[in-house]
Amino acid sequence: KGRFQLTQIDPFVCSQCRTDFTPHWKQERSGNILCEQCVTSNQKKALKAEHTNRLKTAFVKALQQEQEIEQRIQQQAAAVSAPPTSAPTGVPMSKPEPVIRHHPLRQ
């Protein structure tokens, strides 16, 4: 008369680690079922990758700024040590020689 029909339900199995026991299951948008440990592990990996990418971006930016500063320093040094552009005609431009003063010896 009033018989109940029992249906057998297969237990969940994590699509990543293949475990069949966990206190909490999660189904991804793709339909894969993951255990709690795999969900946590994947979240940590994603956060680590994001952090690594941010560090790389910051490092590249700092390196570029350092190179720009070095270029400015070199340009300023070149501008300071460059000879003046308005030199009198007929006078060859050369590096100024260091001034060495000798004191005459008295005998």
PDB file of N, CA and C in Angstrom:
ATOM      1  N   LYS A   1       0.826  -1.183   0.000  1.00  0.00           N
ATOM      2  CA  LYS A   1       0.000   0.000   0.000  1.00  0.00           C
ATOM      3  C   LYS A   1       0.872   1.249   0.000  1.00  0.00           C
ATOM      4  N   GLY A   2       1.349   1.785   1.084  1.00  0.00           N
ATOM      5  CA  GLY A   2       2.128   3.021   1.162  1.00  0.00           C
ATOM      6  C   GLY A   2       3.613   2.738   1.302  1.00  0.00           C
ATOM      7  N   ARG A   3       4.190   2.250   0.260  1.00  0.00           N
ATOM      8  CA  ARG A   3       5.616   1.927   0.315  1.00  0.00           C
ATOM      9  C   ARG A   3       6.450   3.145  -0.094  1.00  0.00           C
ATOM     10  N   PHE A   4       7.522   3.346   0.667  1.00  0.00           N
ATOM     11  CA  PHE A   4       8.480   4.402   0.328  1.00  0.00           C
ATOM     12  C   PHE A   4       9.593   3.768  -0.485  1.00  0.00           C
ATOM     13  N   GLN A   5       9.964   4.437  -1.502  1.00  0.00           N
ATOM     14  CA  GLN A   5      11.054   3.914  -2.306  1.00  0.00           C
ATOM     15  C   GLN A   5      12.309   4.694  -1.946  1.00  0.00           C
ATOM     16  N   LEU A   6      13.322   3.985  -1.489  1.00  0.00           N
ATOM     17  CA  LEU A   6      14.590   4.612  -1.132  1.00  0.00           C
ATOM     18  C   LEU A   6      15.459   4.703  -2.373  1.00  0.00           C
ATOM     19  N   THR A   7      15.965   5.898  -2.591  1.00  0.00           N
ATOM     20  CA  THR A   7      16.893   6.069  -3.710  1.00  0.00           C
ATOM     21  C   THR A   7      18.297   6.193  -3.140  1.00  0.00           C
ATOM     22  N   GLN A   8      19.185   5.583  -3.831  1.00  0.00           N
ATOM     23  CA  GLN A   8      20.577   5.630  -3.367  1.00  0.00           C
ATOM     24  C   GLN A   8      21.247   6.858  -3.976  1.00  0.00           C
ATOM     25  N   ILE A   9      21.814   7.699  -3.111  1.00  0.00           N
ATOM     26  CA  ILE A   9      22.518   8.908  -3.552  1.00  0.00           C
ATOM     27  C   ILE A   9      24.002   8.668  -3.340  1.00  0.00           C
ATOM     28  N   ASP A  10      24.754   8.836  -4.400  1.00  0.00           N
ATOM     29  CA  ASP A  10      26.209   8.685  -4.288  1.00  0.00           C
ATOM     30  C   ASP A  10      26.761   9.854  -3.483  1.00  0.00           C
ATOM     31  N   PRO A  11      27.740   9.583  -2.634  1.00  0.00           N
ATOM     32  CA  PRO A  11      28.331  10.687  -1.858  1.00  0.00           C
ATOM     33  C   PRO A  11      29.114  11.627  -2.780  1.00  0.00           C
ATOM     34  N   PHE A  12      29.231  12.863  -2.325  1.00  0.00           N
ATOM     35  CA  PHE A  12      30.033  13.820  -3.090  1.00  0.00           C
ATOM     36  C   PHE A  12      31.483  13.371  -3.087  1.00  0.00           C
ATOM     37  N   VAL A  13      32.172  13.674  -4.164  1.00  0.00           N
ATOM     38  CA  VAL A  13      33.613  13.423  -4.270  1.00  0.00           C
ATOM     39  C   VAL A  13      34.243  14.702  -4.793  1.00  0.00           C
ATOM     40  N   CYS A  14      35.268  15.166  -4.110  1.00  0.00           N
ATOM     41  CA  CYS A  14      35.951  16.395  -4.524  1.00  0.00           C
ATOM     42  C   CYS A  14      36.565  16.177  -5.905  1.00  0.00           C
ATOM     43  N   SER A  15      36.295  17.084  -6.801  1.00  0.00           N
ATOM     44  CA  SER A  15      36.815  16.941  -8.163  1.00  0.00           C
ATOM     45  C   SER A  15      38.313  17.253  -8.241  1.00  0.00           C
ATOM     46  N   GLN A  16      38.866  17.824  -7.173  1.00  0.00           N
ATOM     47  CA  GLN A  16      40.285  18.171  -7.185  1.00  0.00           C
ATOM     48  C   GLN A  16      41.127  17.120  -6.458  1.00  0.00           C
ATOM     49  N   CYS A  17      40.751  16.758  -5.240  1.00  0.00           N
ATOM     50  CA  CYS A  17      41.577  15.826  -4.451  1.00  0.00           C
ATOM     51  C   CYS A  17      40.941  14.443  -4.320  1.00  0.00           C
ATOM     52  N   ARG A  18      39.734  14.284  -4.796  1.00  0.00           N
ATOM     53  CA  ARG A  18      39.024  13.003  -4.809  1.00  0.00           C
ATOM     54  C   ARG A  18      38.580  12.507  -3.429  1.00  0.00           C
ATOM     55  N   THR A  19      38.580  13.349  -2.416  1.00  0.00           N
ATOM     56  CA  THR A  19      38.107  12.919  -1.104  1.00  0.00           C
ATOM     57  C   THR A  19      36.584  12.851  -1.113  1.00  0.00           C
ATOM     58  N   ASP A  20      36.045  12.030  -0.226  1.00  0.00           N
ATOM     59  CA  ASP A  20      34.588  11.927  -0.152  1.00  0.00           C
ATOM     60  C   ASP A  20      34.052  12.350   1.215  1.00  0.00           C
ATOM     61  N   PHE A  21      34.935  12.962   2.038  1.00  0.00           N
ATOM     62  CA  PHE A  21      34.483  13.407   3.345  1.00  0.00           C
ATOM     63  C   PHE A  21      35.030  14.792   3.642  1.00  0.00           C
ATOM     64  N   THR A  22      34.132  15.673   4.011  1.00  0.00           N
ATOM     65  CA  THR A  22      34.499  17.024   4.449  1.00  0.00           C
ATOM     66  C   THR A  22      33.296  17.617   5.172  1.00  0.00           C
ATOM     67  N   PRO A  23      33.533  18.520   6.111  1.00  0.00           N
ATOM     68  CA  PRO A  23      32.388  19.131   6.791  1.00  0.00           C
ATOM     69  C   PRO A  23      31.612  20.106   5.901  1.00  0.00           C
ATOM     70  N   HIS A  24      32.229  20.549   4.800  1.00  0.00           N
ATOM     71  CA  HIS A  24      31.553  21.541   3.963  1.00  0.00           C
ATOM     72  C   HIS A  24      31.918  21.318   2.499  1.00  0.00           C
ATOM     73  N   TRP A  25      30.918  21.259   1.653  1.00  0.00           N
ATOM     74  CA  TRP A  25      31.130  21.095   0.215  1.00  0.00           C
ATOM     75  C   TRP A  25      30.783  22.402  -0.488  1.00  0.00           C
ATOM     76  N   LYS A  26      31.457  22.643  -1.607  1.00  0.00           N
ATOM     77  CA  LYS A  26      31.146  23.837  -2.396  1.00  0.00           C
ATOM     78  C   LYS A  26      31.095  23.458  -3.864  1.00  0.00           C
ATOM     79  N   GLN A  27      30.052  23.941  -4.517  1.00  0.00           N
ATOM     80  CA  GLN A  27      29.932  23.690  -5.953  1.00  0.00           C
ATOM     81  C   GLN A  27      30.318  24.961  -6.696  1.00  0.00           C
ATOM     82  N   GLU A  28      31.286  24.823  -7.603  1.00  0.00           N
ATOM     83  CA  GLU A  28      31.740  25.956  -8.391  1.00  0.00           C
ATOM     84  C   GLU A  28      30.731  26.264  -9.487  1.00  0.00           C
ATOM     85  N   ARG A  29      30.906  27.407 -10.134  1.00  0.00           N
ATOM     86  CA  ARG A  29      30.021  27.781 -11.240  1.00  0.00           C
ATOM     87  C   ARG A  29      30.115  26.790 -12.386  1.00  0.00           C
ATOM     88  N   SER A  30      31.299  26.201 -12.515  1.00  0.00           N
ATOM     89  CA  SER A  30      31.495  25.229 -13.601  1.00  0.00           C
ATOM     90  C   SER A  30      30.800  23.903 -13.309  1.00  0.00           C
ATOM     91  N   GLY A  31      30.320  23.726 -12.074  1.00  0.00           N
ATOM     92  CA  GLY A  31      29.637  22.498 -11.703  1.00  0.00           C
ATOM     93  C   GLY A  31      30.504  21.549 -10.900  1.00  0.00           C
ATOM     94  N   ASN A  32      31.802  21.800 -10.829  1.00  0.00           N
ATOM     95  CA  ASN A  32      32.703  20.953 -10.040  1.00  0.00           C
ATOM     96  C   ASN A  32      32.383  21.094  -8.558  1.00  0.00           C
ATOM     97  N   ILE A  33      32.479  19.995  -7.850  1.00  0.00           N
ATOM     98  CA  ILE A  33      32.247  19.998  -6.405  1.00  0.00           C
ATOM     99  C   ILE A  33      33.592  19.860  -5.715  1.00  0.00           C
ATOM    100  N   LEU A  34      33.868  20.800  -4.773  1.00  0.00           N
ATOM    101  CA  LEU A  34      35.146  20.819  -4.061  1.00  0.00           C
ATOM    102  C   LEU A  34      34.930  20.673  -2.572  1.00  0.00           C
ATOM    103  N   CYS A  35      35.913  20.041  -1.923  1.00  0.00           N
ATOM    104  CA  CYS A  35      35.877  19.931  -0.464  1.00  0.00           C
ATOM    105  C   CYS A  35      36.355  21.248   0.150  1.00  0.00           C
ATOM    106  N   GLU A  36      36.140  21.395   1.423  1.00  0.00           N
ATOM    107  CA  GLU A  36      36.498  22.624   2.138  1.00  0.00           C
ATOM    108  C   GLU A  36      37.998  22.925   2.040  1.00  0.00           C
ATOM    109  N   GLN A  37      38.826  21.890   2.163  1.00  0.00           N
ATOM    110  CA  GLN A  37      40.274  22.089   2.135  1.00  0.00           C
ATOM    111  C   GLN A  37      40.733  22.601   0.763  1.00  0.00           C
ATOM    112  N   CYS A  38      40.174  22.052  -0.314  1.00  0.00           N
ATOM    113  CA  CYS A  38      40.561  22.498  -1.653  1.00  0.00           C
ATOM    114  C   CYS A  38      40.083  23.925  -1.924  1.00  0.00           C
ATOM    115  N   VAL A  39      38.900  24.267  -1.435  1.00  0.00           N
ATOM    116  CA  VAL A  39      38.393  25.638  -1.592  1.00  0.00           C
ATOM    117  C   VAL A  39      39.339  26.611  -0.900  1.00  0.00           C
ATOM    118  N   THR A  40      39.720  26.294   0.333  1.00  0.00           N
ATOM    119  CA  THR A  40      40.627  27.154   1.089  1.00  0.00           C
ATOM    120  C   THR A  40      41.986  27.257   0.400  1.00  0.00           C
ATOM    121  N   SER A  41      42.496  26.125  -0.043  1.00  0.00           N
ATOM    122  CA  SER A  41      43.790  26.107  -0.727  1.00  0.00           C
ATOM    123  C   SER A  41      43.756  26.955  -1.996  1.00  0.00           C
ATOM    124  N   ASN A  42      42.682  26.829  -2.771  1.00  0.00           N
ATOM    125  CA  ASN A  42      42.561  27.616  -4.010  1.00  0.00           C
ATOM    126  C   ASN A  42      42.472  29.108  -3.722  1.00  0.00           C
ATOM    127  N   GLN A  43      41.765  29.471  -2.647  1.00  0.00           N
ATOM    128  CA  GLN A  43      41.671  30.882  -2.277  1.00  0.00           C
ATOM    129  C   GLN A  43      43.043  31.429  -1.897  1.00  0.00           C
ATOM    130  N   LYS A  44      43.812  30.649  -1.134  1.00  0.00           N
ATOM    131  CA  LYS A  44      45.149  31.087  -0.738  1.00  0.00           C
ATOM    132  C   LYS A  44      46.058  31.240  -1.954  1.00  0.00           C
ATOM    133  N   LYS A  45      45.979  30.296  -2.883  1.00  0.00           N
ATOM    134  CA  LYS A  45      46.795  30.381  -4.105  1.00  0.00           C
ATOM    135  C   LYS A  45      46.443  31.618  -4.913  1.00  0.00           C
ATOM    136  N   ALA A  46      45.142  31.911  -5.018  1.00  0.00           N
ATOM    137  CA  ALA A  46      44.710  33.091  -5.770  1.00  0.00           C
ATOM    138  C   ALA A  46      45.200  34.376  -5.106  1.00  0.00           C
ATOM    139  N   LEU A  47      45.095  34.435  -3.781  1.00  0.00           N
ATOM    140  CA  LEU A  47      45.572  35.628  -3.068  1.00  0.00           C
ATOM    141  C   LEU A  47      47.081  35.785  -3.203  1.00  0.00           C
ATOM    142  N   LYS A  48      47.807  34.685  -3.138  1.00  0.00           N
ATOM    143  CA  LYS A  48      49.263  34.731  -3.283  1.00  0.00           C
ATOM    144  C   LYS A  48      49.647  35.218  -4.680  1.00  0.00           C
ATOM    145  N   ALA A  49      48.959  34.708  -5.704  1.00  0.00           N
ATOM    146  CA  ALA A  49      49.240  35.139  -7.073  1.00  0.00           C
ATOM    147  C   ALA A  49      48.951  36.629  -7.248  1.00  0.00           C
ATOM    148  N   GLU A  50      47.851  37.097  -6.676  1.00  0.00           N
ATOM    149  CA  GLU A  50      47.503  38.518  -6.761  1.00  0.00           C
ATOM    150  C   GLU A  50      48.557  39.370  -6.057  1.00  0.00           C
ATOM    151  N   HIS A  51      48.985  38.927  -4.883  1.00  0.00           N
ATOM    152  CA  HIS A  51      50.007  39.648  -4.128  1.00  0.00           C
ATOM    153  C   HIS A  51      51.326  39.687  -4.903  1.00  0.00           C
ATOM    154  N   THR A  52      51.701  38.560  -5.483  1.00  0.00           N
ATOM    155  CA  THR A  52      52.935  38.490  -6.271  1.00  0.00           C
ATOM    156  C   THR A  52      52.871  39.440  -7.455  1.00  0.00           C
ATOM    157  N   ASN A  53      51.740  39.478  -8.134  1.00  0.00           N
ATOM    158  CA  ASN A  53      51.597  40.385  -9.281  1.00  0.00           C
ATOM    159  C   ASN A  53      51.681  41.842  -8.845  1.00  0.00           C
ATOM    160  N   ARG A  54      51.101  42.164  -7.705  1.00  0.00           N
ATOM    161  CA  ARG A  54      51.180  43.546  -7.208  1.00  0.00           C
ATOM    162  C   ARG A  54      52.623  43.916  -6.852  1.00  0.00           C
ATOM    163  N   LEU A  55      53.343  42.972  -6.239  1.00  0.00           N
ATOM    164  CA  LEU A  55      54.752  43.227  -5.912  1.00  0.00           C
ATOM    165  C   LEU A  55      55.578  43.416  -7.173  1.00  0.00           C
ATOM    166  N   LYS A  56      55.345  42.592  -8.180  1.00  0.00           N
ATOM    167  CA  LYS A  56      56.079  42.725  -9.445  1.00  0.00           C
ATOM    168  C   LYS A  56      55.807  44.088 -10.073  1.00  0.00           C
ATOM    169  N   THR A  57      54.539  44.488 -10.078  1.00  0.00           N
ATOM    170  CA  THR A  57      54.175  45.779 -10.651  1.00  0.00           C
ATOM    171  C   THR A  57      54.859  46.918  -9.896  1.00  0.00           C
ATOM    172  N   ALA A  58      54.845  46.846  -8.575  1.00  0.00           N
ATOM    173  CA  ALA A  58      55.487  47.887  -7.767  1.00  0.00           C
ATOM    174  C   ALA A  58      56.993  47.900  -7.995  1.00  0.00           C
ATOM    175  N   PHE A  59      57.595  46.732  -8.105  1.00  0.00           N
ATOM    176  CA  PHE A  59      59.040  46.657  -8.326  1.00  0.00           C
ATOM    177  C   PHE A  59      59.410  47.248  -9.679  1.00  0.00           C
ATOM    178  N   VAL A  60      58.651  46.910 -10.719  1.00  0.00           N
ATOM    179  CA  VAL A  60      58.926  47.448 -12.055  1.00  0.00           C
ATOM    180  C   VAL A  60      58.779  48.969 -12.056  1.00  0.00           C
ATOM    181  N   LYS A  61      57.756  49.463 -11.391  1.00  0.00           N
ATOM    182  CA  LYS A  61      57.541  50.913 -11.313  1.00  0.00           C
ATOM    183  C   LYS A  61      58.699  51.595 -10.581  1.00  0.00           C
ATOM    184  N   ALA A  62      59.135  51.014  -9.481  1.00  0.00           N
ATOM    185  CA  ALA A  62      60.261  51.581  -8.726  1.00  0.00           C
ATOM    186  C   ALA A  62      61.538  51.551  -9.552  1.00  0.00           C
ATOM    187  N   LEU A  63      61.750  50.489 -10.299  1.00  0.00           N
ATOM    188  CA  LEU A  63      62.932  50.380 -11.154  1.00  0.00           C
ATOM    189  C   LEU A  63      62.908  51.446 -12.246  1.00  0.00           C
ATOM    190  N   GLN A  64      61.755  51.665 -12.850  1.00  0.00           N
ATOM    191  CA  GLN A  64      61.624  52.699 -13.875  1.00  0.00           C
ATOM    192  C   GLN A  64      61.889  54.086 -13.291  1.00  0.00           C
ATOM    193  N   GLN A  65      61.365  54.344 -12.110  1.00  0.00           N
ATOM    194  CA  GLN A  65      61.599  55.643 -11.472  1.00  0.00           C
ATOM    195  C   GLN A  65      63.078  55.828 -11.160  1.00  0.00           C
ATOM    196  N   GLU A  66      63.729  54.772 -10.702  1.00  0.00           N
ATOM    197  CA  GLU A  66      65.155  54.847 -10.408  1.00  0.00           C
ATOM    198  C   GLU A  66      65.955  55.141 -11.675  1.00  0.00           C
ATOM    199  N   GLN A  67      65.587  54.496 -12.791  1.00  0.00           N
ATOM    200  CA  GLN A  67      66.284  54.737 -14.048  1.00  0.00           C
ATOM    201  C   GLN A  67      66.067  56.171 -14.531  1.00  0.00           C
ATOM    202  N   GLU A  68      64.856  56.689 -14.359  1.00  0.00           N
ATOM    203  CA  GLU A  68      64.584  58.071 -14.745  1.00  0.00           C
ATOM    204  C   GLU A  68      65.421  59.039 -13.912  1.00  0.00           C
ATOM    205  N   ILE A  69      65.538  58.782 -12.628  1.00  0.00           N
ATOM    206  CA  ILE A  69      66.338  59.643 -11.756  1.00  0.00           C
ATOM    207  C   ILE A  69      67.803  59.586 -12.171  1.00  0.00           C
ATOM    208  N   GLU A  70      68.309  58.392 -12.467  1.00  0.00           N
ATOM    209  CA  GLU A  70      69.698  58.247 -12.914  1.00  0.00           C
ATOM    210  C   GLU A  70      69.936  59.020 -14.207  1.00  0.00           C
ATOM    211  N   GLN A  71      68.982  58.962 -15.129  1.00  0.00           N
ATOM    212  CA  GLN A  71      69.115  59.705 -16.387  1.00  0.00           C
ATOM    213  C   GLN A  71      69.147  61.205 -16.126  1.00  0.00           C
ATOM    214  N   ARG A  72      68.298  61.680 -15.237  1.00  0.00           N
ATOM    215  CA  ARG A  72      68.293  63.116 -14.912  1.00  0.00           C
ATOM    216  C   ARG A  72      69.627  63.533 -14.301  1.00  0.00           C
ATOM    217  N   ILE A  73      70.147  62.712 -13.408  1.00  0.00           N
ATOM    218  CA  ILE A  73      71.435  63.024 -12.784  1.00  0.00           C
ATOM    219  C   ILE A  73      72.533  63.086 -13.833  1.00  0.00           C
ATOM    220  N   GLN A  74      72.540  62.138 -14.751  1.00  0.00           N
ATOM    221  CA  GLN A  74      73.552  62.127 -15.811  1.00  0.00           C
ATOM    222  C   GLN A  74      73.396  63.342 -16.725  1.00  0.00           C
ATOM    223  N   GLN A  75      72.161  63.708 -17.040  1.00  0.00           N
ATOM    224  CA  GLN A  75      71.928  64.880 -17.890  1.00  0.00           C
ATOM    225  C   GLN A  75      72.382  66.157 -17.189  1.00  0.00           C
ATOM    226  N   GLN A  76      72.103  66.249 -15.890  1.00  0.00           N
ATOM    227  CA  GLN A  76      72.530  67.432 -15.141  1.00  0.00           C
ATOM    228  C   GLN A  76      74.049  67.489 -15.059  1.00  0.00           C
ATOM    229  N   ALA A  77      74.685  66.349 -14.847  1.00  0.00           N
ATOM    230  CA  ALA A  77      76.146  66.313 -14.776  1.00  0.00           C
ATOM    231  C   ALA A  77      76.756  66.680 -16.114  1.00  0.00           C
ATOM    232  N   ALA A  78      76.127  66.214 -17.198  1.00  0.00           N
ATOM    233  CA  ALA A  78      76.625  66.540 -18.534  1.00  0.00           C
ATOM    234  C   ALA A  78      76.435  68.027 -18.826  1.00  0.00           C
ATOM    235  N   ALA A  79      75.339  68.604 -18.375  1.00  0.00           N
ATOM    236  CA  ALA A  79      75.075  70.026 -18.599  1.00  0.00           C
ATOM    237  C   ALA A  79      76.058  70.888 -17.816  1.00  0.00           C
ATOM    238  N   VAL A  80      76.434  70.476 -16.635  1.00  0.00           N
ATOM    239  CA  VAL A  80      77.364  71.232 -15.801  1.00  0.00           C
ATOM    240  C   VAL A  80      78.773  71.149 -16.365  1.00  0.00           C
ATOM    241  N   SER A  81      79.168  69.973 -16.820  1.00  0.00           N
ATOM    242  CA  SER A  81      80.537  69.802 -17.302  1.00  0.00           C
ATOM    243  C   SER A  81      80.693  70.139 -18.776  1.00  0.00           C
ATOM    244  N   ALA A  82      79.596  70.404 -19.484  1.00  0.00           N
ATOM    245  CA  ALA A  82      79.686  70.744 -20.906  1.00  0.00           C
ATOM    246  C   ALA A  82      80.264  72.151 -21.059  1.00  0.00           C
ATOM    247  N   PRO A  83      81.112  72.364 -22.086  1.00  0.00           N
ATOM    248  CA  PRO A  83      81.663  73.699 -22.316  1.00  0.00           C
ATOM    249  C   PRO A  83      80.569  74.646 -22.786  1.00  0.00           C
ATOM    250  N   PRO A  84      80.734  75.943 -22.527  1.00  0.00           N
ATOM    251  CA  PRO A  84      79.716  76.906 -22.966  1.00  0.00           C
ATOM    252  C   PRO A  84      79.630  76.906 -24.487  1.00  0.00           C
ATOM    253  N   THR A  85      78.445  77.132 -24.988  1.00  0.00           N
ATOM    254  CA  THR A  85      78.236  77.076 -26.434  1.00  0.00           C
ATOM    255  C   THR A  85      78.668  78.351 -27.129  1.00  0.00           C
ATOM    256  N   SER A  86      78.786  79.462 -26.434  1.00  0.00           N
ATOM    257  CA  SER A  86      79.183  80.716 -27.067  1.00  0.00           C
ATOM    258  C   SER A  86      80.679  80.964 -26.839  1.00  0.00           C
ATOM    259  N   ALA A  87      81.491  80.240 -27.554  1.00  0.00           N
ATOM    260  CA  ALA A  87      82.947  80.401 -27.431  1.00  0.00           C
ATOM    261  C   ALA A  87      83.428  81.403 -28.472  1.00  0.00           C
ATOM    262  N   PRO A  88      84.458  82.193 -28.155  1.00  0.00           N
ATOM    263  CA  PRO A  88      84.985  83.127 -29.145  1.00  0.00           C
ATOM    264  C   PRO A  88      85.561  82.351 -30.325  1.00  0.00           C
ATOM    265  N   THR A  89      85.376  82.907 -31.499  1.00  0.00           N
ATOM    266  CA  THR A  89      85.864  82.225 -32.699  1.00  0.00           C
ATOM    267  C   THR A  89      87.376  82.280 -32.747  1.00  0.00           C
ATOM    268  N   GLY A  90      87.961  81.224 -33.269  1.00  0.00           N
ATOM    269  CA  GLY A  90      89.406  81.159 -33.402  1.00  0.00           C
ATOM    270  C   GLY A  90      90.104  80.603 -32.172  1.00  0.00           C
ATOM    271  N   VAL A  91      89.389  80.471 -31.066  1.00  0.00           N
ATOM    272  CA  VAL A  91      89.999  79.931 -29.853  1.00  0.00           C
ATOM    273  C   VAL A  91      89.536  78.483 -29.720  1.00  0.00           C
ATOM    274  N   PRO A  92      90.464  77.538 -29.764  1.00  0.00           N
ATOM    275  CA  PRO A  92      90.042  76.141 -29.663  1.00  0.00           C
ATOM    276  C   PRO A  92      89.510  75.840 -28.251  1.00  0.00           C
ATOM    277  N   MET A  93      88.454  75.072 -28.222  1.00  0.00           N
ATOM    278  CA  MET A  93      87.864  74.679 -26.942  1.00  0.00           C
ATOM    279  C   MET A  93      88.539  73.395 -26.480  1.00  0.00           C
ATOM    280  N   SER A  94      89.011  73.393 -25.281  1.00  0.00           N
ATOM    281  CA  SER A  94      89.612  72.196 -24.715  1.00  0.00           C
ATOM    282  C   SER A  94      89.242  72.142 -23.236  1.00  0.00           C
ATOM    283  N   LYS A  95      89.530  71.022 -22.636  1.00  0.00           N
ATOM    284  CA  LYS A  95      89.236  70.879 -21.214  1.00  0.00           C
ATOM    285  C   LYS A  95      90.143  71.798 -20.424  1.00  0.00           C
ATOM    286  N   PRO A  96      89.620  72.468 -19.453  1.00  0.00           N
ATOM    287  CA  PRO A  96      90.498  73.301 -18.633  1.00  0.00           C
ATOM    288  C   PRO A  96      91.443  72.401 -17.848  1.00  0.00           C
ATOM    289  N   GLU A  97      92.704  72.791 -17.863  1.00  0.00           N
ATOM    290  CA  GLU A  97      93.697  72.002 -17.145  1.00  0.00           C
ATOM    291  C   GLU A  97      93.681  72.413 -15.679  1.00  0.00           C
ATOM    292  N   PRO A  98      93.937  71.474 -14.799  1.00  0.00           N
ATOM    293  CA  PRO A  98      93.949  71.828 -13.386  1.00  0.00           C
ATOM    294  C   PRO A  98      95.087  72.808 -13.096  1.00  0.00           C
ATOM    295  N   VAL A  99      94.787  73.731 -12.234  1.00  0.00           N
ATOM    296  CA  VAL A  99      95.769  74.754 -11.883  1.00  0.00           C
ATOM    297  C   VAL A  99      96.673  74.204 -10.787  1.00  0.00           C
ATOM    298  N   ILE A 100      97.976  74.203 -11.074  1.00  0.00           N
ATOM    299  CA  ILE A 100      98.950  73.765 -10.082  1.00  0.00           C
ATOM    300  C   ILE A 100      99.881  74.942  -9.837  1.00  0.00           C
ATOM    301  N   ARG A 101      99.939  75.383  -8.632  1.00  0.00           N
ATOM    302  CA  ARG A 101     100.782  76.524  -8.302  1.00  0.00           C
ATOM    303  C   ARG A 101     102.043  76.032  -7.627  1.00  0.00           C
ATOM    304  N   HIS A 102     103.148  76.505  -8.123  1.00  0.00           N
ATOM    305  CA  HIS A 102     104.437  76.147  -7.532  1.00  0.00           C
ATOM    306  C   HIS A 102     104.990  77.368  -6.808  1.00  0.00           C
ATOM    307  N   HIS A 103     105.503  77.147  -5.675  1.00  0.00           N
ATOM    308  CA  HIS A 103     106.153  78.233  -4.942  1.00  0.00           C
ATOM    309  C   HIS A 103     107.616  78.210  -5.300  1.00  0.00           C
ATOM    310  N   PRO A 104     108.151  79.360  -5.648  1.00  0.00           N
ATOM    311  CA  PRO A 104     109.598  79.380  -5.993  1.00  0.00           C
ATOM    312  C   PRO A 104     110.444  79.027  -4.773  1.00  0.00           C
ATOM    313  N   LEU A 105     111.472  78.316  -5.017  1.00  0.00           N
ATOM    314  CA  LEU A 105     112.382  77.941  -3.928  1.00  0.00           C
ATOM    315  C   LEU A 105     113.344  79.084  -3.683  1.00  0.00           C
ATOM    316  N   ARG A 106     113.582  79.415  -2.477  1.00  0.00           N
ATOM    317  CA  ARG A 106     114.536  80.476  -2.131  1.00  0.00           C
ATOM    318  C   ARG A 106     115.839  79.837  -1.721  1.00  0.00           C
ATOM    319  N   GLN A 107     116.891  80.403  -2.221  1.00  0.00           N
ATOM    320  CA  GLN A 107     118.193  79.865  -1.872  1.00  0.00           C
ATOM    321  C   GLN A 107     118.967  80.802  -1.016  1.00  0.00           C
TER     322      GLN A 107
END
